[in-house]
Amino acid sequence: MTITLMDFMADWCGPCKTQEPILEDIEEDYPDVEFERIDVDERQDVANEYQVRSLPTLIVENDDGVVERFIGVTQAEDIEDALEKAGA
C-alpha cells in the first residue's frame, strides 16, 4: 500500500515555515511514506484538485483515497496518528 503525505505550502507562507521542521522530523521515522511538498504557486492544478483553500494544508492519502486532512500548523502527534490510520 502506498501512503502519501502531501504538504501544500508556499514560500511566502509563515505558518508553512513553522510546519516544515515538524514534517522533516516525522519523515525520518516513516521511510515508507512518500512526503510531497507541493508549492501552490507552482502547482495550482493539484491544489485545485484537492480543494486546498488555506495554507498549510496537509493531506494523508493511501490507495483507498484521502485518510485525513489538516488545515493550519499541525503537531507531530496528530500527523503520526493519521499516518498510522493510513497503514504506515
PDB file of N, CA and C in Angstrom:
ATOM      1  N   MET A   1       0.844  -1.189   0.000  1.00  0.00           N
ATOM      2  CA  MET A   1       0.000   0.000   0.000  1.00  0.00           C
ATOM      3  C   MET A   1       0.880   1.240   0.000  1.00  0.00           C
ATOM      4  N   THR A   2       0.535   2.169  -0.854  1.00  0.00           N
ATOM      5  CA  THR A   2       1.256   3.432  -0.933  1.00  0.00           C
ATOM      6  C   THR A   2       0.587   4.452  -0.015  1.00  0.00           C
ATOM      7  N   ILE A   3       1.396   5.073   0.821  1.00  0.00           N
ATOM      8  CA  ILE A   3       0.908   6.133   1.711  1.00  0.00           C
ATOM      9  C   ILE A   3       1.664   7.407   1.369  1.00  0.00           C
ATOM     10  N   THR A   4       0.912   8.472   1.170  1.00  0.00           N
ATOM     11  CA  THR A   4       1.497   9.754   0.789  1.00  0.00           C
ATOM     12  C   THR A   4       1.029  10.834   1.751  1.00  0.00           C
ATOM     13  N   LEU A   5       1.958  11.690   2.161  1.00  0.00           N
ATOM     14  CA  LEU A   5       1.613  12.885   2.919  1.00  0.00           C
ATOM     15  C   LEU A   5       1.934  14.065   2.012  1.00  0.00           C
ATOM     16  N   MET A   6       0.893  14.794   1.626  1.00  0.00           N
ATOM     17  CA  MET A   6       1.065  15.957   0.768  1.00  0.00           C
ATOM     18  C   MET A   6       1.039  17.221   1.630  1.00  0.00           C
ATOM     19  N   ASP A   7       2.070  18.020   1.480  1.00  0.00           N
ATOM     20  CA  ASP A   7       2.208  19.275   2.209  1.00  0.00           C
ATOM     21  C   ASP A   7       1.993  20.409   1.211  1.00  0.00           C
ATOM     22  N   PHE A   8       0.800  20.999   1.241  1.00  0.00           N
ATOM     23  CA  PHE A   8       0.505  22.137   0.375  1.00  0.00           C
ATOM     24  C   PHE A   8       1.019  23.391   1.065  1.00  0.00           C
ATOM     25  N   MET A   9       1.963  24.071   0.404  1.00  0.00           N
ATOM     26  CA  MET A   9       2.657  25.184   1.027  1.00  0.00           C
ATOM     27  C   MET A   9       2.993  26.239  -0.017  1.00  0.00           C
ATOM     28  N   ALA A  10       3.592  27.345   0.452  1.00  0.00           N
ATOM     29  CA  ALA A  10       4.117  28.389  -0.425  1.00  0.00           C
ATOM     30  C   ALA A  10       5.289  29.054   0.302  1.00  0.00           C
ATOM     31  N   ASP A  11       6.228  29.570  -0.481  1.00  0.00           N
ATOM     32  CA  ASP A  11       7.413  30.206   0.113  1.00  0.00           C
ATOM     33  C   ASP A  11       7.054  31.416   0.966  1.00  0.00           C
ATOM     34  N   TRP A  12       5.982  32.117   0.636  1.00  0.00           N
ATOM     35  CA  TRP A  12       5.589  33.335   1.345  1.00  0.00           C
ATOM     36  C   TRP A  12       4.749  33.049   2.595  1.00  0.00           C
ATOM     37  N   CYS A  13       4.448  31.795   2.849  1.00  0.00           N
ATOM     38  CA  CYS A  13       3.553  31.400   3.945  1.00  0.00           C
ATOM     39  C   CYS A  13       4.333  31.198   5.247  1.00  0.00           C
ATOM     40  N   GLY A  14       4.119  32.087   6.213  1.00  0.00           N
ATOM     41  CA  GLY A  14       4.805  31.985   7.507  1.00  0.00           C
ATOM     42  C   GLY A  14       4.497  30.699   8.257  1.00  0.00           C
ATOM     43  N   PRO A  15       3.218  30.332   8.419  1.00  0.00           N
ATOM     44  CA  PRO A  15       2.906  29.079   9.110  1.00  0.00           C
ATOM     45  C   PRO A  15       3.502  27.850   8.413  1.00  0.00           C
ATOM     46  N   CYS A  16       3.675  27.921   7.095  1.00  0.00           N
ATOM     47  CA  CYS A  16       4.285  26.800   6.372  1.00  0.00           C
ATOM     48  C   CYS A  16       5.724  26.587   6.832  1.00  0.00           C
ATOM     49  N   LYS A  17       6.414  27.691   7.132  1.00  0.00           N
ATOM     50  CA  LYS A  17       7.791  27.599   7.618  1.00  0.00           C
ATOM     51  C   LYS A  17       7.834  26.972   9.007  1.00  0.00           C
ATOM     52  N   THR A  18       6.778  27.177   9.803  1.00  0.00           N
ATOM     53  CA  THR A  18       6.673  26.545  11.118  1.00  0.00           C
ATOM     54  C   THR A  18       6.410  25.049  10.967  1.00  0.00           C
ATOM     55  N   GLN A  19       5.627  24.687   9.960  1.00  0.00           N
ATOM     56  CA  GLN A  19       5.268  23.286   9.740  1.00  0.00           C
ATOM     57  C   GLN A  19       6.446  22.456   9.238  1.00  0.00           C
ATOM     58  N   GLU A  20       7.323  23.067   8.461  1.00  0.00           N
ATOM     59  CA  GLU A  20       8.401  22.348   7.780  1.00  0.00           C
ATOM     60  C   GLU A  20       9.285  21.499   8.699  1.00  0.00           C
ATOM     61  N   PRO A  21       9.822  22.032   9.814  1.00  0.00           N
ATOM     62  CA  PRO A  21      10.679  21.178  10.659  1.00  0.00           C
ATOM     63  C   PRO A  21       9.907  20.030  11.319  1.00  0.00           C
ATOM     64  N   ILE A  22       8.642  20.219  11.578  1.00  0.00           N
ATOM     65  CA  ILE A  22       7.824  19.143  12.143  1.00  0.00           C
ATOM     66  C   ILE A  22       7.754  17.991  11.141  1.00  0.00           C
ATOM     67  N   LEU A  23       7.514  18.324   9.881  1.00  0.00           N
ATOM     68  CA  LEU A  23       7.446  17.289   8.843  1.00  0.00           C
ATOM     69  C   LEU A  23       8.791  16.623   8.610  1.00  0.00           C
ATOM     70  N   GLU A  24       9.869  17.395   8.668  1.00  0.00           N
ATOM     71  CA  GLU A  24      11.204  16.821   8.484  1.00  0.00           C
ATOM     72  C   GLU A  24      11.509  15.786   9.559  1.00  0.00           C
ATOM     73  N   ASP A  25      11.109  16.063  10.801  1.00  0.00           N
ATOM     74  CA  ASP A  25      11.329  15.102  11.893  1.00  0.00           C
ATOM     75  C   ASP A  25      10.524  13.821  11.671  1.00  0.00           C
ATOM     76  N   ILE A  26       9.283  13.967  11.248  1.00  0.00           N
ATOM     77  CA  ILE A  26       8.423  12.811  11.027  1.00  0.00           C
ATOM     78  C   ILE A  26       8.939  11.975   9.864  1.00  0.00           C
ATOM     79  N   GLU A  27       9.418  12.638   8.835  1.00  0.00           N
ATOM     80  CA  GLU A  27       9.876  11.946   7.633  1.00  0.00           C
ATOM     81  C   GLU A  27      10.963  10.915   7.955  1.00  0.00           C
ATOM     82  N   GLU A  28      11.821  11.232   8.912  1.00  0.00           N
ATOM     83  CA  GLU A  28      12.883  10.312   9.312  1.00  0.00           C
ATOM     84  C   GLU A  28      12.317   9.023   9.908  1.00  0.00           C
ATOM     85  N   ASP A  29      11.180   9.116  10.597  1.00  0.00           N
ATOM     86  CA  ASP A  29      10.594   7.958  11.278  1.00  0.00           C
ATOM     87  C   ASP A  29       9.675   7.122  10.382  1.00  0.00           C
ATOM     88  N   TYR A  30       9.344   7.637   9.203  1.00  0.00           N
ATOM     89  CA  TYR A  30       8.423   6.945   8.295  1.00  0.00           C
ATOM     90  C   TYR A  30       9.041   6.848   6.893  1.00  0.00           C
ATOM     91  N   PRO A  31      10.079   6.005   6.752  1.00  0.00           N
ATOM     92  CA  PRO A  31      10.765   5.920   5.455  1.00  0.00           C
ATOM     93  C   PRO A  31       9.901   5.369   4.326  1.00  0.00           C
ATOM     94  N   ASP A  32       8.828   4.646   4.658  1.00  0.00           N
ATOM     95  CA  ASP A  32       7.977   4.059   3.623  1.00  0.00           C
ATOM     96  C   ASP A  32       6.877   5.002   3.145  1.00  0.00           C
ATOM     97  N   VAL A  33       6.754   6.154   3.794  1.00  0.00           N
ATOM     98  CA  VAL A  33       5.732   7.135   3.410  1.00  0.00           C
ATOM     99  C   VAL A  33       6.338   8.123   2.416  1.00  0.00           C
ATOM    100  N   GLU A  34       5.610   8.412   1.353  1.00  0.00           N
ATOM    101  CA  GLU A  34       6.055   9.413   0.382  1.00  0.00           C
ATOM    102  C   GLU A  34       5.644  10.793   0.890  1.00  0.00           C
ATOM    103  N   PHE A  35       6.614  11.656   1.086  1.00  0.00           N
ATOM    104  CA  PHE A  35       6.358  13.027   1.514  1.00  0.00           C
ATOM    105  C   PHE A  35       6.488  13.934   0.292  1.00  0.00           C
ATOM    106  N   GLU A  36       5.420  14.636  -0.038  1.00  0.00           N
ATOM    107  CA  GLU A  36       5.423  15.524  -1.199  1.00  0.00           C
ATOM    108  C   GLU A  36       5.169  16.950  -0.739  1.00  0.00           C
ATOM    109  N   ARG A  37       6.105  17.850  -1.080  1.00  0.00           N
ATOM    110  CA  ARG A  37       5.898  19.274  -0.834  1.00  0.00           C
ATOM    111  C   ARG A  37       5.332  19.858  -2.113  1.00  0.00           C
ATOM    112  N   ILE A  38       4.167  20.447  -2.036  1.00  0.00           N
ATOM    113  CA  ILE A  38       3.503  20.987  -3.211  1.00  0.00           C
ATOM    114  C   ILE A  38       3.363  22.497  -3.046  1.00  0.00           C
ATOM    115  N   ASP A  39       4.163  23.233  -3.810  1.00  0.00           N
ATOM    116  CA  ASP A  39       4.101  24.691  -3.796  1.00  0.00           C
ATOM    117  C   ASP A  39       2.864  25.100  -4.602  1.00  0.00           C
ATOM    118  N   VAL A  40       1.890  25.685  -3.931  1.00  0.00           N
ATOM    119  CA  VAL A  40       0.621  26.006  -4.598  1.00  0.00           C
ATOM    120  C   VAL A  40       0.783  27.068  -5.689  1.00  0.00           C
ATOM    121  N   ASP A  41       1.820  27.874  -5.603  1.00  0.00           N
ATOM    122  CA  ASP A  41       2.059  28.864  -6.649  1.00  0.00           C
ATOM    123  C   ASP A  41       2.517  28.188  -7.943  1.00  0.00           C
ATOM    124  N   GLU A  42       3.225  27.069  -7.804  1.00  0.00           N
ATOM    125  CA  GLU A  42       3.725  26.342  -8.970  1.00  0.00           C
ATOM    126  C   GLU A  42       2.774  25.239  -9.427  1.00  0.00           C
ATOM    127  N   ARG A  43       1.977  24.704  -8.512  1.00  0.00           N
ATOM    128  CA  ARG A  43       1.113  23.560  -8.818  1.00  0.00           C
ATOM    129  C   ARG A  43      -0.340  23.854  -8.446  1.00  0.00           C
ATOM    130  N   GLN A  44      -0.862  24.947  -8.973  1.00  0.00           N
ATOM    131  CA  GLN A  44      -2.241  25.333  -8.676  1.00  0.00           C
ATOM    132  C   GLN A  44      -3.231  24.259  -9.115  1.00  0.00           C
ATOM    133  N   ASP A  45      -2.890  23.503 -10.152  1.00  0.00           N
ATOM    134  CA  ASP A  45      -3.765  22.434 -10.636  1.00  0.00           C
ATOM    135  C   ASP A  45      -3.990  21.365  -9.572  1.00  0.00           C
ATOM    136  N   VAL A  46      -2.914  21.000  -8.876  1.00  0.00           N
ATOM    137  CA  VAL A  46      -3.025  19.984  -7.824  1.00  0.00           C
ATOM    138  C   VAL A  46      -3.776  20.555  -6.622  1.00  0.00           C
ATOM    139  N   ALA A  47      -3.482  21.814  -6.273  1.00  0.00           N
ATOM    140  CA  ALA A  47      -4.191  22.464  -5.167  1.00  0.00           C
ATOM    141  C   ALA A  47      -5.690  22.519  -5.453  1.00  0.00           C
ATOM    142  N   ASN A  48      -6.052  22.817  -6.681  1.00  0.00           N
ATOM    143  CA  ASN A  48      -7.468  22.850  -7.051  1.00  0.00           C
ATOM    144  C   ASN A  48      -8.094  21.462  -6.987  1.00  0.00           C
ATOM    145  N   GLU A  49      -7.361  20.464  -7.456  1.00  0.00           N
ATOM    146  CA  GLU A  49      -7.864  19.084  -7.439  1.00  0.00           C
ATOM    147  C   GLU A  49      -8.227  18.648  -6.019  1.00  0.00           C
ATOM    148  N   TYR A  50      -7.398  19.038  -5.048  1.00  0.00           N
ATOM    149  CA  TYR A  50      -7.623  18.662  -3.649  1.00  0.00           C
ATOM    150  C   TYR A  50      -8.380  19.739  -2.870  1.00  0.00           C
ATOM    151  N   GLN A  51      -8.862  20.760  -3.563  1.00  0.00           N
ATOM    152  CA  GLN A  51      -9.654  21.829  -2.976  1.00  0.00           C
ATOM    153  C   GLN A  51      -8.952  22.498  -1.793  1.00  0.00           C
ATOM    154  N   VAL A  52      -7.689  22.809  -1.980  1.00  0.00           N
ATOM    155  CA  VAL A  52      -6.897  23.473  -0.948  1.00  0.00           C
ATOM    156  C   VAL A  52      -7.208  24.965  -0.995  1.00  0.00           C
ATOM    157  N   ARG A  53      -7.655  25.501   0.148  1.00  0.00           N
ATOM    158  CA  ARG A  53      -8.026  26.918   0.229  1.00  0.00           C
ATOM    159  C   ARG A  53      -7.200  27.683   1.262  1.00  0.00           C
ATOM    160  N   SER A  54      -6.533  26.961   2.148  1.00  0.00           N
ATOM    161  CA  SER A  54      -5.734  27.595   3.203  1.00  0.00           C
ATOM    162  C   SER A  54      -4.387  26.891   3.290  1.00  0.00           C
ATOM    163  N   LEU A  55      -3.388  27.630   3.772  1.00  0.00           N
ATOM    164  CA  LEU A  55      -2.047  27.068   3.926  1.00  0.00           C
ATOM    165  C   LEU A  55      -1.578  27.191   5.362  1.00  0.00           C
ATOM    166  N   PRO A  56      -0.804  26.238   5.835  1.00  0.00           N
ATOM    167  CA  PRO A  56      -0.526  24.975   5.177  1.00  0.00           C
ATOM    168  C   PRO A  56      -1.722  24.020   5.270  1.00  0.00           C
ATOM    169  N   THR A  57      -1.837  23.161   4.278  1.00  0.00           N
ATOM    170  CA  THR A  57      -2.798  22.064   4.312  1.00  0.00           C
ATOM    171  C   THR A  57      -2.003  20.782   4.132  1.00  0.00           C
ATOM    172  N   LEU A  58      -2.250  19.822   5.008  1.00  0.00           N
ATOM    173  CA  LEU A  58      -1.625  18.507   4.902  1.00  0.00           C
ATOM    174  C   LEU A  58      -2.710  17.499   4.577  1.00  0.00           C
ATOM    175  N   ILE A  59      -2.420  16.621   3.622  1.00  0.00           N
ATOM    176  CA  ILE A  59      -3.360  15.562   3.278  1.00  0.00           C
ATOM    177  C   ILE A  59      -2.621  14.237   3.321  1.00  0.00           C
ATOM    178  N   VAL A  60      -3.170  13.298   4.106  1.00  0.00           N
ATOM    179  CA  VAL A  60      -2.637  11.938   4.172  1.00  0.00           C
ATOM    180  C   VAL A  60      -3.549  11.079   3.308  1.00  0.00           C
ATOM    181  N   GLU A  61      -2.919  10.361   2.381  1.00  0.00           N
ATOM    182  CA  GLU A  61      -3.676   9.582   1.410  1.00  0.00           C
ATOM    183  C   GLU A  61      -3.056   8.193   1.291  1.00  0.00           C
ATOM    184  N   ASN A  62      -3.903   7.191   1.096  1.00  0.00           N
ATOM    185  CA  ASN A  62      -3.402   5.857   0.771  1.00  0.00           C
ATOM    186  C   ASN A  62      -4.119   5.368  -0.483  1.00  0.00           C
ATOM    187  N   ASP A  63      -3.987   4.101  -0.816  1.00  0.00           N
ATOM    188  CA  ASP A  63      -4.580   3.567  -2.043  1.00  0.00           C
ATOM    189  C   ASP A  63      -6.101   3.703  -2.068  1.00  0.00           C
ATOM    190  N   ASP A  64      -6.711   3.824  -0.896  1.00  0.00           N
ATOM    191  CA  ASP A  64      -8.164   3.946  -0.811  1.00  0.00           C
ATOM    192  C   ASP A  64      -8.654   5.386  -0.942  1.00  0.00           C
ATOM    193  N   GLY A  65      -7.740   6.359  -0.899  1.00  0.00           N
ATOM    194  CA  GLY A  65      -8.112   7.767  -1.009  1.00  0.00           C
ATOM    195  C   GLY A  65      -7.609   8.577   0.176  1.00  0.00           C
ATOM    196  N   VAL A  66      -8.210   9.734   0.376  1.00  0.00           N
ATOM    197  CA  VAL A  66      -7.803  10.636   1.457  1.00  0.00           C
ATOM    198  C   VAL A  66      -8.208  10.043   2.799  1.00  0.00           C
ATOM    199  N   VAL A  67      -7.239   9.942   3.705  1.00  0.00           N
ATOM    200  CA  VAL A  67      -7.470   9.412   5.046  1.00  0.00           C
ATOM    201  C   VAL A  67      -7.707  10.546   6.032  1.00  0.00           C
ATOM    202  N   GLU A  68      -6.944  11.620   5.880  1.00  0.00           N
ATOM    203  CA  GLU A  68      -7.024  12.736   6.835  1.00  0.00           C
ATOM    204  C   GLU A  68      -6.580  14.015   6.145  1.00  0.00           C
ATOM    205  N   ARG A  69      -7.185  15.132   6.561  1.00  0.00           N
ATOM    206  CA  ARG A  69      -6.828  16.459   6.045  1.00  0.00           C
ATOM    207  C   ARG A  69      -6.645  17.381   7.247  1.00  0.00           C
ATOM    208  N   PHE A  70      -5.534  18.097   7.251  1.00  0.00           N
ATOM    209  CA  PHE A  70      -5.256  19.057   8.314  1.00  0.00           C
ATOM    210  C   PHE A  70      -5.087  20.435   7.691  1.00  0.00           C
ATOM    211  N   ILE A  71      -5.680  21.441   8.307  1.00  0.00           N
ATOM    212  CA  ILE A  71      -5.527  22.819   7.847  1.00  0.00           C
ATOM    213  C   ILE A  71      -4.874  23.611   8.967  1.00  0.00           C
ATOM    214  N   GLY A  72      -3.788  24.310   8.643  1.00  0.00           N
ATOM    215  CA  GLY A  72      -3.030  25.053   9.644  1.00  0.00           C
ATOM    216  C   GLY A  72      -1.884  24.211  10.163  1.00  0.00           C
ATOM    217  N   VAL A  73      -1.067  24.813  10.999  1.00  0.00           N
ATOM    218  CA  VAL A  73       0.085  24.103  11.560  1.00  0.00           C
ATOM    219  C   VAL A  73      -0.428  22.945  12.404  1.00  0.00           C
ATOM    220  N   THR A  74       0.086  21.762  12.117  1.00  0.00           N
ATOM    221  CA  THR A  74      -0.379  20.538  12.759  1.00  0.00           C
ATOM    222  C   THR A  74       0.765  19.898  13.533  1.00  0.00           C
ATOM    223  N   GLN A  75       0.483  19.470  14.739  1.00  0.00           N
ATOM    224  CA  GLN A  75       1.507  18.876  15.594  1.00  0.00           C
ATOM    225  C   GLN A  75       1.864  17.463  15.143  1.00  0.00           C
ATOM    226  N   ALA A  76       3.070  17.046  15.480  1.00  0.00           N
ATOM    227  CA  ALA A  76       3.602  15.751  15.044  1.00  0.00           C
ATOM    228  C   ALA A  76       2.701  14.591  15.454  1.00  0.00           C
ATOM    229  N   GLU A  77       2.161  14.637  16.675  1.00  0.00           N
ATOM    230  CA  GLU A  77       1.351  13.524  17.170  1.00  0.00           C
ATOM    231  C   GLU A  77       0.122  13.295  16.287  1.00  0.00           C
ATOM    232  N   ASP A  78      -0.510  14.379  15.867  1.00  0.00           N
ATOM    233  CA  ASP A  78      -1.705  14.272  15.027  1.00  0.00           C
ATOM    234  C   ASP A  78      -1.357  13.715  13.647  1.00  0.00           C
ATOM    235  N   ILE A  79      -0.241  14.150  13.106  1.00  0.00           N
ATOM    236  CA  ILE A  79       0.200  13.659  11.796  1.00  0.00           C
ATOM    237  C   ILE A  79       0.549  12.178  11.895  1.00  0.00           C
ATOM    238  N   GLU A  80       1.271  11.806  12.947  1.00  0.00           N
ATOM    239  CA  GLU A  80       1.650  10.408  13.126  1.00  0.00           C
ATOM    240  C   GLU A  80       0.426   9.520  13.301  1.00  0.00           C
ATOM    241  N   ASP A  81      -0.577   9.991  14.028  1.00  0.00           N
ATOM    242  CA  ASP A  81      -1.832   9.228  14.182  1.00  0.00           C
ATOM    243  C   ASP A  81      -2.493   8.998  12.823  1.00  0.00           C
ATOM    244  N   ALA A  82      -2.496  10.016  11.991  1.00  0.00           N
ATOM    245  CA  ALA A  82      -3.099   9.892  10.655  1.00  0.00           C
ATOM    246  C   ALA A  82      -2.307   8.922   9.783  1.00  0.00           C
ATOM    247  N   LEU A  83      -0.975   8.956   9.882  1.00  0.00           N
ATOM    248  CA  LEU A  83      -0.151   8.030   9.109  1.00  0.00           C
ATOM    249  C   LEU A  83      -0.401   6.587   9.546  1.00  0.00           C
ATOM    250  N   GLU A  84      -0.538   6.372  10.846  1.00  0.00           N
ATOM    251  CA  GLU A  84      -0.829   5.029  11.361  1.00  0.00           C
ATOM    252  C   GLU A  84      -2.215   4.578  10.873  1.00  0.00           C
ATOM    253  N   LYS A  85      -3.173   5.472  10.907  1.00  0.00           N
ATOM    254  CA  LYS A  85      -4.525   5.185  10.440  1.00  0.00           C
ATOM    255  C   LYS A  85      -4.513   4.803   8.953  1.00  0.00           C
ATOM    256  N   ALA A  86      -3.595   5.415   8.197  1.00  0.00           N
ATOM    257  CA  ALA A  86      -3.489   5.141   6.769  1.00  0.00           C
ATOM    258  C   ALA A  86      -2.781   3.812   6.484  1.00  0.00           C
ATOM    259  N   GLY A  87      -2.140   3.254   7.525  1.00  0.00           N
ATOM    260  CA  GLY A  87      -1.468   1.967   7.360  1.00  0.00           C
ATOM    261  C   GLY A  87       0.034   1.999   7.445  1.00  0.00           C
ATOM    262  N   ALA A  88       0.612   3.121   7.865  1.00  0.00           N
ATOM    263  CA  ALA A  88       2.072   3.221   7.958  1.00  0.00           C
ATOM    264  C   ALA A  88       2.600   2.442   9.141  1.00  0.00           C
TER     265      ALA A  88
END
